[in-house]
Amino acid sequence: MRKLDHPLLPYLFLLPACGIVGMFVIYPALQAIALSFTSFNMITPPAFAGLANYRTLWQDPFFWSALRNTLLYLALVVPVLVTLPIFLAMLVNRALPGITLFRAALYLPAITSLVISGLIWKWVYEEKGILNYFLLATGLTDNPVAFLTDPAHALFSVMAVTVWGGMGYYMVIYLAGLQSIPRHLYEVAEVEGVSKWQQTLHITIPLLKPSVAVVTVMSSISAMKVFEEVYVMTQGGPLDSSKTLVYYIYQSAFEEFDMGYASAIGVVLFGITLVFSLINLRLLGRKA
């Protein structure tokens, strides 16, 4: 049999994937960038508008409010999703009876539709829902808490759903990292009398840094583009207190039919996400 060793052969296998990425990712992204310089209402043809959309965006208080909410989402959700799943992974990385079922239970929210999760939690958060019933029954509060209808609580309530849905997914990434750590490192540490806490601090955490880098970037991107939870639970309210950039893009494009302005917001969001991702990779790569 003739040996296939042509230097271009690997690229031939990549062509189908590159074609799909180019068609469904790169081309739409380039088209969005082009539309951001136009006035386009999806009815009449796009008309070149130069930097008008970006000037409007700079003076738009709704954009800055959505950006602030998105950055707050990033600042609060990402640290939790980076750290908490590590402890969950260490908890389930044990040969115990029924551990497989326990892992599946923790992973279940990750494979549940975000729309279904949002609807379930919307019922849980209602003033007569199970959460308020528990708070009232235990005496933790005298009146029902308006989790989704109070501007002070709405965004944080949505954040909790994002954390709940993401913990199992990132736990699996850390679990794979834990199981790749050579067992003999822990055996040597035990012989030397190193405590479990010191083993975690000096063996587990340093060797999990590649997994931490992956989880940090992925959770950062997810936090920046959060949409389904907001759409199902609050629709950006009350008083725009939970409106994020992606929801504002949706609102501008499909409620106000201003596709050019929505594209401009999308370009800005892409730039911010890219910068955060590069910073994360740089910092984590330097520590590794």
C-alpha atoms as a PDB file:
ATOM      1  CA  MET A   1       0.000   0.000   0.000  1.00  0.00           C
ATOM      2  CA  ARG A   2       1.373   3.393  -0.986  1.00  0.00           C
ATOM      3  CA  LYS A   3       2.301   5.588   1.955  1.00  0.00           C
ATOM      4  CA  LEU A   4       0.448   8.924   2.109  1.00  0.00           C
ATOM      5  CA  ASP A   5       3.027  11.403   3.363  1.00  0.00           C
ATOM      6  CA  HIS A   6       2.356  14.494   1.290  1.00  0.00           C
ATOM      7  CA  PRO A   7       2.944  17.628   3.439  1.00  0.00           C
ATOM      8  CA  LEU A   8      -0.432  19.079   2.441  1.00  0.00           C
ATOM      9  CA  LEU A   9      -2.371  15.970   3.482  1.00  0.00           C
ATOM     10  CA  PRO A  10      -3.171  17.142   7.053  1.00  0.00           C
ATOM     11  CA  TYR A  11      -4.631  20.363   5.671  1.00  0.00           C
ATOM     12  CA  LEU A  12      -6.853  18.331   3.367  1.00  0.00           C
ATOM     13  CA  PHE A  13      -8.480  16.707   6.400  1.00  0.00           C
ATOM     14  CA  LEU A  14      -8.993  20.146   7.920  1.00  0.00           C
ATOM     15  CA  LEU A  15     -10.823  21.510   4.885  1.00  0.00           C
ATOM     16  CA  PRO A  16     -14.352  20.342   5.868  1.00  0.00           C
ATOM     17  CA  ALA A  17     -14.056  21.829   9.367  1.00  0.00           C
ATOM     18  CA  CYS A  18     -12.496  25.024   8.036  1.00  0.00           C
ATOM     19  CA  GLY A  19     -15.289  25.314   5.478  1.00  0.00           C
ATOM     20  CA  ILE A  20     -17.969  25.009   8.183  1.00  0.00           C
ATOM     21  CA  VAL A  21     -16.202  27.502  10.471  1.00  0.00           C
ATOM     22  CA  GLY A  22     -15.723  29.905   7.585  1.00  0.00           C
ATOM     23  CA  MET A  23     -19.357  29.677   6.517  1.00  0.00           C
ATOM     24  CA  PHE A  24     -21.030  29.865   9.914  1.00  0.00           C
ATOM     25  CA  VAL A  25     -18.520  31.840  12.027  1.00  0.00           C
ATOM     26  CA  ILE A  26     -16.026  33.906  10.047  1.00  0.00           C
ATOM     27  CA  TYR A  27     -18.357  35.081   7.261  1.00  0.00           C
ATOM     28  CA  PRO A  28     -21.157  36.184   9.644  1.00  0.00           C
ATOM     29  CA  ALA A  29     -18.577  37.963  11.815  1.00  0.00           C
ATOM     30  CA  LEU A  30     -17.163  39.865   8.847  1.00  0.00           C
ATOM     31  CA  GLN A  31     -20.688  40.683   7.683  1.00  0.00           C
ATOM     32  CA  ALA A  32     -21.544  42.025  11.157  1.00  0.00           C
ATOM     33  CA  ILE A  33     -18.472  44.250  11.089  1.00  0.00           C
ATOM     34  CA  ALA A  34     -19.506  45.576   7.674  1.00  0.00           C
ATOM     35  CA  LEU A  35     -23.110  46.173   8.828  1.00  0.00           C
ATOM     36  CA  SER A  36     -21.886  48.119  11.852  1.00  0.00           C
ATOM     37  CA  PHE A  37     -20.929  50.928   9.456  1.00  0.00           C
ATOM     38  CA  THR A  38     -24.388  51.045   7.867  1.00  0.00           C
ATOM     39  CA  SER A  39     -27.947  52.036   8.642  1.00  0.00           C
ATOM     40  CA  PHE A  40     -29.971  48.863   8.130  1.00  0.00           C
ATOM     41  CA  ASN A  41     -33.529  48.148   9.284  1.00  0.00           C
ATOM     42  CA  MET A  42     -33.808  44.724   7.567  1.00  0.00           C
ATOM     43  CA  ILE A  43     -36.432  46.132   5.170  1.00  0.00           C
ATOM     44  CA  THR A  44     -34.566  48.605   3.002  1.00  0.00           C
ATOM     45  CA  PRO A  45     -31.033  47.914   1.688  1.00  0.00           C
ATOM     46  CA  PRO A  46     -28.134  48.882   3.989  1.00  0.00           C
ATOM     47  CA  ALA A  47     -26.954  52.482   3.598  1.00  0.00           C
ATOM     48  CA  PHE A  48     -23.400  53.438   4.499  1.00  0.00           C
ATOM     49  CA  ALA A  49     -23.370  55.531   7.689  1.00  0.00           C
ATOM     50  CA  GLY A  50     -19.677  55.634   8.556  1.00  0.00           C
ATOM     51  CA  LEU A  51     -19.023  55.840  12.303  1.00  0.00           C
ATOM     52  CA  ALA A  52     -22.522  57.078  13.126  1.00  0.00           C
ATOM     53  CA  ASN A  53     -23.489  53.902  14.987  1.00  0.00           C
ATOM     54  CA  TYR A  54     -20.346  54.047  17.109  1.00  0.00           C
ATOM     55  CA  ARG A  55     -20.921  57.729  17.921  1.00  0.00           C
ATOM     56  CA  THR A  56     -24.480  56.932  18.973  1.00  0.00           C
ATOM     57  CA  LEU A  57     -23.231  54.017  21.024  1.00  0.00           C
ATOM     58  CA  TRP A  58     -20.738  56.234  22.845  1.00  0.00           C
ATOM     59  CA  GLN A  59     -23.567  58.558  23.944  1.00  0.00           C
ATOM     60  CA  ASP A  60     -26.133  55.816  24.658  1.00  0.00           C
ATOM     61  CA  PRO A  61     -26.833  55.455  28.415  1.00  0.00           C
ATOM     62  CA  PHE A  62     -28.544  52.085  27.813  1.00  0.00           C
ATOM     63  CA  PHE A  63     -25.354  50.743  26.257  1.00  0.00           C
ATOM     64  CA  TRP A  64     -23.244  51.820  29.234  1.00  0.00           C
ATOM     65  CA  SER A  65     -25.797  50.355  31.648  1.00  0.00           C
ATOM     66  CA  ALA A  66     -25.739  47.037  29.757  1.00  0.00           C
ATOM     67  CA  LEU A  67     -21.933  47.095  29.668  1.00  0.00           C
ATOM     68  CA  ARG A  68     -21.772  47.735  33.412  1.00  0.00           C
ATOM     69  CA  ASN A  69     -24.121  44.813  34.072  1.00  0.00           C
ATOM     70  CA  THR A  70     -22.084  42.561  31.803  1.00  0.00           C
ATOM     71  CA  LEU A  71     -18.793  43.463  33.483  1.00  0.00           C
ATOM     72  CA  LEU A  72     -20.383  42.928  36.900  1.00  0.00           C
ATOM     73  CA  TYR A  73     -21.555  39.531  35.672  1.00  0.00           C
ATOM     74  CA  LEU A  74     -17.994  38.773  34.596  1.00  0.00           C
ATOM     75  CA  ALA A  75     -16.471  39.945  37.881  1.00  0.00           C
ATOM     76  CA  LEU A  76     -18.792  37.924  40.120  1.00  0.00           C
ATOM     77  CA  VAL A  77     -19.645  34.789  38.157  1.00  0.00           C
ATOM     78  CA  VAL A  78     -16.242  33.856  36.740  1.00  0.00           C
ATOM     79  CA  PRO A  79     -14.331  33.604  40.075  1.00  0.00           C
ATOM     80  CA  VAL A  80     -17.047  31.310  41.447  1.00  0.00           C
ATOM     81  CA  LEU A  81     -17.056  29.110  38.334  1.00  0.00           C
ATOM     82  CA  VAL A  82     -13.262  28.897  38.374  1.00  0.00           C
ATOM     83  CA  THR A  83     -12.848  27.953  42.044  1.00  0.00           C
ATOM     84  CA  LEU A  84     -15.952  26.090  43.227  1.00  0.00           C
ATOM     85  CA  PRO A  85     -15.859  23.326  40.558  1.00  0.00           C
ATOM     86  CA  ILE A  86     -12.303  22.471  41.682  1.00  0.00           C
ATOM     87  CA  PHE A  87     -13.609  21.403  45.078  1.00  0.00           C
ATOM     88  CA  LEU A  88     -16.523  19.559  43.485  1.00  0.00           C
ATOM     89  CA  ALA A  89     -14.084  17.698  41.218  1.00  0.00           C
ATOM     90  CA  MET A  90     -11.906  16.769  44.185  1.00  0.00           C
ATOM     91  CA  LEU A  91     -15.026  15.593  46.006  1.00  0.00           C
ATOM     92  CA  VAL A  92     -16.154  13.258  43.214  1.00  0.00           C
ATOM     93  CA  ASN A  93     -12.612  12.095  42.339  1.00  0.00           C
ATOM     94  CA  ARG A  94     -12.938   9.244  44.807  1.00  0.00           C
ATOM     95  CA  ALA A  95     -13.686   5.533  44.439  1.00  0.00           C
ATOM     96  CA  LEU A  96     -16.819   5.466  46.580  1.00  0.00           C
ATOM     97  CA  PRO A  97     -20.070   3.508  46.198  1.00  0.00           C
ATOM     98  CA  GLY A  98     -22.540   5.434  44.046  1.00  0.00           C
ATOM     99  CA  ILE A  99     -19.998   8.086  43.030  1.00  0.00           C
ATOM    100  CA  THR A 100     -20.957   7.739  39.357  1.00  0.00           C
ATOM    101  CA  LEU A 101     -24.562   8.605  40.182  1.00  0.00           C
ATOM    102  CA  PHE A 102     -23.379  11.566  42.262  1.00  0.00           C
ATOM    103  CA  ARG A 103     -21.256  12.821  39.350  1.00  0.00           C
ATOM    104  CA  ALA A 104     -24.224  12.500  37.001  1.00  0.00           C
ATOM    105  CA  ALA A 105     -26.434  14.457  39.400  1.00  0.00           C
ATOM    106  CA  LEU A 106     -23.898  17.307  39.573  1.00  0.00           C
ATOM    107  CA  TYR A 107     -23.523  17.313  35.786  1.00  0.00           C
ATOM    108  CA  LEU A 108     -27.271  17.248  35.076  1.00  0.00           C
ATOM    109  CA  PRO A 109     -27.742  21.071  35.133  1.00  0.00           C
ATOM    110  CA  ALA A 110     -25.044  21.397  32.447  1.00  0.00           C
ATOM    111  CA  ILE A 111     -27.050  19.322  29.955  1.00  0.00           C
ATOM    112  CA  THR A 112     -30.395  20.881  30.849  1.00  0.00           C
ATOM    113  CA  SER A 113     -31.653  23.460  28.365  1.00  0.00           C
ATOM    114  CA  LEU A 114     -31.017  26.994  29.566  1.00  0.00           C
ATOM    115  CA  VAL A 115     -34.590  27.878  28.664  1.00  0.00           C
ATOM    116  CA  ILE A 116     -35.928  25.063  30.842  1.00  0.00           C
ATOM    117  CA  SER A 117     -33.518  25.988  33.638  1.00  0.00           C
ATOM    118  CA  GLY A 118     -34.614  29.613  33.433  1.00  0.00           C
ATOM    119  CA  LEU A 119     -38.289  28.689  33.620  1.00  0.00           C
ATOM    120  CA  ILE A 120     -37.710  26.383  36.588  1.00  0.00           C
ATOM    121  CA  TRP A 121     -35.764  29.014  38.494  1.00  0.00           C
ATOM    122  CA  LYS A 122     -38.310  31.663  37.593  1.00  0.00           C
ATOM    123  CA  TRP A 123     -40.908  29.567  39.417  1.00  0.00           C
ATOM    124  CA  VAL A 124     -38.501  29.014  42.314  1.00  0.00           C
ATOM    125  CA  TYR A 125     -37.904  32.761  42.615  1.00  0.00           C
ATOM    126  CA  GLU A 126     -41.593  33.780  42.561  1.00  0.00           C
ATOM    127  CA  GLU A 127     -42.950  35.579  45.604  1.00  0.00           C
ATOM    128  CA  LYS A 128     -45.028  32.469  46.363  1.00  0.00           C
ATOM    129  CA  GLY A 129     -42.312  30.104  45.123  1.00  0.00           C
ATOM    130  CA  ILE A 130     -40.440  27.445  47.031  1.00  0.00           C
ATOM    131  CA  LEU A 131     -37.461  29.663  47.898  1.00  0.00           C
ATOM    132  CA  ASN A 132     -39.597  32.342  49.536  1.00  0.00           C
ATOM    133  CA  TYR A 133     -41.599  29.623  51.268  1.00  0.00           C
ATOM    134  CA  PHE A 134     -38.360  28.285  52.773  1.00  0.00           C
ATOM    135  CA  LEU A 135     -37.171  31.754  53.806  1.00  0.00           C
ATOM    136  CA  LEU A 136     -40.487  32.571  55.470  1.00  0.00           C
ATOM    137  CA  ALA A 137     -40.787  29.157  57.134  1.00  0.00           C
ATOM    138  CA  THR A 138     -37.310  29.395  58.665  1.00  0.00           C
ATOM    139  CA  GLY A 139     -37.794  32.990  59.784  1.00  0.00           C
ATOM    140  CA  LEU A 140     -34.923  34.319  57.678  1.00  0.00           C
ATOM    141  CA  THR A 141     -37.240  37.000  56.319  1.00  0.00           C
ATOM    142  CA  ASP A 142     -40.590  38.461  57.334  1.00  0.00           C
ATOM    143  CA  ASN A 143     -41.744  39.303  53.808  1.00  0.00           C
ATOM    144  CA  PRO A 144     -41.315  37.543  50.450  1.00  0.00           C
ATOM    145  CA  VAL A 145     -38.186  38.613  48.590  1.00  0.00           C
ATOM    146  CA  ALA A 146     -38.777  40.035  45.091  1.00  0.00           C
ATOM    147  CA  PHE A 147     -35.876  38.192  43.499  1.00  0.00           C
ATOM    148  CA  LEU A 148     -36.758  39.025  39.878  1.00  0.00           C
ATOM    149  CA  THR A 149     -38.875  42.160  40.258  1.00  0.00           C
ATOM    150  CA  ASP A 150     -36.573  44.213  42.476  1.00  0.00           C
ATOM    151  CA  PRO A 151     -33.741  46.014  40.620  1.00  0.00           C
ATOM    152  CA  ALA A 152     -31.445  45.355  43.583  1.00  0.00           C
ATOM    153  CA  HIS A 153     -31.870  41.565  43.317  1.00  0.00           C
ATOM    154  CA  ALA A 154     -32.667  40.718  39.683  1.00  0.00           C
ATOM    155  CA  LEU A 155     -29.170  40.574  38.218  1.00  0.00           C
ATOM    156  CA  PHE A 156     -27.747  38.602  41.141  1.00  0.00           C
ATOM    157  CA  SER A 157     -30.635  36.127  40.949  1.00  0.00           C
ATOM    158  CA  VAL A 158     -29.842  35.494  37.285  1.00  0.00           C
ATOM    159  CA  MET A 159     -26.148  35.108  38.150  1.00  0.00           C
ATOM    160  CA  ALA A 160     -27.014  32.333  40.603  1.00  0.00           C
ATOM    161  CA  VAL A 161     -28.720  30.390  37.809  1.00  0.00           C
ATOM    162  CA  THR A 162     -25.645  30.747  35.580  1.00  0.00           C
ATOM    163  CA  VAL A 163     -23.427  29.433  38.376  1.00  0.00           C
ATOM    164  CA  TRP A 164     -25.830  26.559  39.062  1.00  0.00           C
ATOM    165  CA  GLY A 165     -25.855  25.572  35.396  1.00  0.00           C
ATOM    166  CA  GLY A 166     -22.096  25.839  34.851  1.00  0.00           C
ATOM    167  CA  MET A 167     -20.612  24.162  37.914  1.00  0.00           C
ATOM    168  CA  GLY A 168     -21.104  20.595  36.671  1.00  0.00           C
ATOM    169  CA  TYR A 169     -19.654  21.341  33.239  1.00  0.00           C
ATOM    170  CA  TYR A 170     -16.463  22.870  34.587  1.00  0.00           C
ATOM    171  CA  MET A 171     -16.275  20.175  37.273  1.00  0.00           C
ATOM    172  CA  VAL A 172     -15.844  17.587  34.512  1.00  0.00           C
ATOM    173  CA  ILE A 173     -12.944  19.587  33.011  1.00  0.00           C
ATOM    174  CA  TYR A 174     -11.220  19.698  36.391  1.00  0.00           C
ATOM    175  CA  LEU A 175     -11.993  16.024  36.992  1.00  0.00           C
ATOM    176  CA  ALA A 176     -10.175  15.130  33.779  1.00  0.00           C
ATOM    177  CA  GLY A 177      -7.236  17.249  34.947  1.00  0.00           C
ATOM    178  CA  LEU A 178      -7.192  15.574  38.363  1.00  0.00           C
ATOM    179  CA  GLN A 179      -7.194  12.090  36.873  1.00  0.00           C
ATOM    180  CA  SER A 180      -4.217  12.984  34.677  1.00  0.00           C
ATOM    181  CA  ILE A 181      -2.030  13.840  37.702  1.00  0.00           C
ATOM    182  CA  PRO A 182       0.383  10.933  38.399  1.00  0.00           C
ATOM    183  CA  ARG A 183      -0.641   9.068  41.540  1.00  0.00           C
ATOM    184  CA  HIS A 184       2.942   8.497  42.646  1.00  0.00           C
ATOM    185  CA  LEU A 185       3.328  12.212  43.445  1.00  0.00           C
ATOM    186  CA  TYR A 186       0.761  11.882  46.221  1.00  0.00           C
ATOM    187  CA  GLU A 187       2.293   8.605  47.426  1.00  0.00           C
ATOM    188  CA  VAL A 188       5.715  10.225  47.769  1.00  0.00           C
ATOM    189  CA  ALA A 189       4.155  13.189  49.574  1.00  0.00           C
ATOM    190  CA  GLU A 190       2.403  10.868  52.027  1.00  0.00           C
ATOM    191  CA  VAL A 191       5.667   9.042  52.748  1.00  0.00           C
ATOM    192  CA  GLU A 192       7.292  12.414  53.458  1.00  0.00           C
ATOM    193  CA  GLY A 193       4.499  13.248  55.897  1.00  0.00           C
ATOM    194  CA  VAL A 194       2.922  16.017  53.796  1.00  0.00           C
ATOM    195  CA  SER A 195      -0.641  16.777  54.901  1.00  0.00           C
ATOM    196  CA  LYS A 196      -3.631  16.519  52.555  1.00  0.00           C
ATOM    197  CA  TRP A 197      -4.011  20.291  52.510  1.00  0.00           C
ATOM    198  CA  GLN A 198      -0.350  20.778  51.558  1.00  0.00           C
ATOM    199  CA  GLN A 199      -0.720  18.136  48.831  1.00  0.00           C
ATOM    200  CA  THR A 200      -3.645  20.063  47.411  1.00  0.00           C
ATOM    201  CA  LEU A 201      -1.786  23.360  47.630  1.00  0.00           C
ATOM    202  CA  HIS A 202       1.567  22.205  46.218  1.00  0.00           C
ATOM    203  CA  ILE A 203       0.631  19.316  43.908  1.00  0.00           C
ATOM    204  CA  THR A 204      -3.008  19.482  42.828  1.00  0.00           C
ATOM    205  CA  ILE A 205      -3.458  23.205  42.246  1.00  0.00           C
ATOM    206  CA  PRO A 206      -0.177  23.774  40.312  1.00  0.00           C
ATOM    207  CA  LEU A 207      -0.804  20.778  38.032  1.00  0.00           C
ATOM    208  CA  LEU A 208      -4.370  21.953  37.386  1.00  0.00           C
ATOM    209  CA  LYS A 209      -3.234  25.297  35.962  1.00  0.00           C
ATOM    210  CA  PRO A 210      -3.878  24.255  32.315  1.00  0.00           C
ATOM    211  CA  SER A 211      -7.431  23.298  33.303  1.00  0.00           C
ATOM    212  CA  VAL A 212      -7.811  26.548  35.228  1.00  0.00           C
ATOM    213  CA  ALA A 213      -6.747  28.486  32.119  1.00  0.00           C
ATOM    214  CA  VAL A 214      -9.342  26.693  29.984  1.00  0.00           C
ATOM    215  CA  VAL A 215     -12.124  27.185  32.526  1.00  0.00           C
ATOM    216  CA  THR A 216     -11.246  30.861  33.060  1.00  0.00           C
ATOM    217  CA  VAL A 217     -11.401  31.667  29.350  1.00  0.00           C
ATOM    218  CA  MET A 218     -14.542  29.611  28.729  1.00  0.00           C
ATOM    219  CA  SER A 219     -16.424  30.981  31.739  1.00  0.00           C
ATOM    220  CA  SER A 220     -15.361  34.541  30.867  1.00  0.00           C
ATOM    221  CA  ILE A 221     -16.717  34.183  27.338  1.00  0.00           C
ATOM    222  CA  SER A 222     -19.940  32.627  28.666  1.00  0.00           C
ATOM    223  CA  ALA A 223     -20.394  35.468  31.160  1.00  0.00           C
ATOM    224  CA  MET A 224     -19.838  38.093  28.474  1.00  0.00           C
ATOM    225  CA  LYS A 225     -22.441  36.578  26.156  1.00  0.00           C
ATOM    226  CA  VAL A 226     -25.103  35.589  28.691  1.00  0.00           C
ATOM    227  CA  PHE A 227     -28.550  35.850  27.114  1.00  0.00           C
ATOM    228  CA  GLU A 228     -30.935  32.925  27.633  1.00  0.00           C
ATOM    229  CA  GLU A 229     -31.228  33.305  31.400  1.00  0.00           C
ATOM    230  CA  VAL A 230     -31.900  37.034  31.090  1.00  0.00           C
ATOM    231  CA  TYR A 231     -34.402  36.587  28.259  1.00  0.00           C
ATOM    232  CA  VAL A 232     -36.415  33.885  30.037  1.00  0.00           C
ATOM    233  CA  MET A 233     -36.321  35.234  33.591  1.00  0.00           C
ATOM    234  CA  THR A 234     -36.288  39.046  33.455  1.00  0.00           C
ATOM    235  CA  GLN A 235     -36.111  40.263  29.831  1.00  0.00           C
ATOM    236  CA  GLY A 236     -33.582  42.831  30.978  1.00  0.00           C
ATOM    237  CA  GLY A 237     -35.773  44.262  33.710  1.00  0.00           C
ATOM    238  CA  PRO A 238     -36.810  45.612  36.016  1.00  0.00           C
ATOM    239  CA  LEU A 239     -35.711  49.097  34.933  1.00  0.00           C
ATOM    240  CA  ASP A 240     -32.920  47.573  32.790  1.00  0.00           C
ATOM    241  CA  SER A 241     -31.206  46.363  35.969  1.00  0.00           C
ATOM    242  CA  SER A 242     -30.424  42.959  34.422  1.00  0.00           C
ATOM    243  CA  LYS A 243     -29.966  43.980  30.790  1.00  0.00           C
ATOM    244  CA  THR A 244     -26.683  42.658  29.392  1.00  0.00           C
ATOM    245  CA  LEU A 245     -24.905  43.523  26.156  1.00  0.00           C
ATOM    246  CA  VAL A 246     -26.112  40.441  24.292  1.00  0.00           C
ATOM    247  CA  TYR A 247     -29.695  41.099  25.350  1.00  0.00           C
ATOM    248  CA  TYR A 248     -29.312  44.714  24.202  1.00  0.00           C
ATOM    249  CA  ILE A 249     -28.031  43.444  20.853  1.00  0.00           C
ATOM    250  CA  TYR A 250     -31.117  41.245  20.544  1.00  0.00           C
ATOM    251  CA  GLN A 251     -33.389  44.127  21.540  1.00  0.00           C
ATOM    252  CA  SER A 252     -31.793  46.545  19.061  1.00  0.00           C
ATOM    253  CA  ALA A 253     -31.872  44.051  16.192  1.00  0.00           C
ATOM    254  CA  PHE A 254     -35.189  42.241  16.576  1.00  0.00           C
ATOM    255  CA  GLU A 255     -37.364  44.628  18.587  1.00  0.00           C
ATOM    256  CA  GLU A 256     -36.172  47.991  17.269  1.00  0.00           C
ATOM    257  CA  PHE A 257     -35.055  46.599  13.861  1.00  0.00           C
ATOM    258  CA  ASP A 258     -31.807  48.557  13.934  1.00  0.00           C
ATOM    259  CA  MET A 259     -29.439  45.890  12.653  1.00  0.00           C
ATOM    260  CA  GLY A 260     -26.602  48.335  11.999  1.00  0.00           C
ATOM    261  CA  TYR A 261     -26.580  49.574  15.592  1.00  0.00           C
ATOM    262  CA  ALA A 262     -26.900  46.024  16.938  1.00  0.00           C
ATOM    263  CA  SER A 263     -23.901  45.020  14.816  1.00  0.00           C
ATOM    264  CA  ALA A 264     -21.881  47.908  16.257  1.00  0.00           C
ATOM    265  CA  ILE A 265     -22.655  46.713  19.800  1.00  0.00           C
ATOM    266  CA  GLY A 266     -21.678  43.191  18.741  1.00  0.00           C
ATOM    267  CA  VAL A 267     -18.331  44.398  17.405  1.00  0.00           C
ATOM    268  CA  VAL A 268     -17.602  46.194  20.678  1.00  0.00           C
ATOM    269  CA  LEU A 269     -18.587  43.085  22.643  1.00  0.00           C
ATOM    270  CA  PHE A 270     -16.294  40.959  20.480  1.00  0.00           C
ATOM    271  CA  GLY A 271     -13.395  43.338  21.096  1.00  0.00           C
ATOM    272  CA  ILE A 272     -13.939  43.347  24.874  1.00  0.00           C
ATOM    273  CA  THR A 273     -14.235  39.548  24.988  1.00  0.00           C
ATOM    274  CA  LEU A 274     -11.078  39.140  22.910  1.00  0.00           C
ATOM    275  CA  VAL A 275      -9.102  41.462  25.189  1.00  0.00           C
ATOM    276  CA  PHE A 276     -10.246  39.653  28.352  1.00  0.00           C
ATOM    277  CA  SER A 277      -9.453  36.260  26.835  1.00  0.00           C
ATOM    278  CA  LEU A 278      -5.942  37.322  25.804  1.00  0.00           C
ATOM    279  CA  ILE A 279      -5.276  38.837  29.239  1.00  0.00           C
ATOM    280  CA  ASN A 280      -6.449  35.644  30.953  1.00  0.00           C
ATOM    281  CA  LEU A 281      -4.280  33.433  28.759  1.00  0.00           C
ATOM    282  CA  ARG A 282      -1.274  35.701  29.209  1.00  0.00           C
ATOM    283  CA  LEU A 283      -1.555  35.859  32.996  1.00  0.00           C
ATOM    284  CA  LEU A 284      -2.276  32.178  33.467  1.00  0.00           C
ATOM    285  CA  GLY A 285       0.417  31.206  30.988  1.00  0.00           C
ATOM    286  CA  ARG A 286       2.964  33.285  32.861  1.00  0.00           C
ATOM    287  CA  LYS A 287       2.041  31.605  36.165  1.00  0.00           C
ATOM    288  CA  ALA A 288       2.185  28.105  34.700  1.00  0.00           C
END
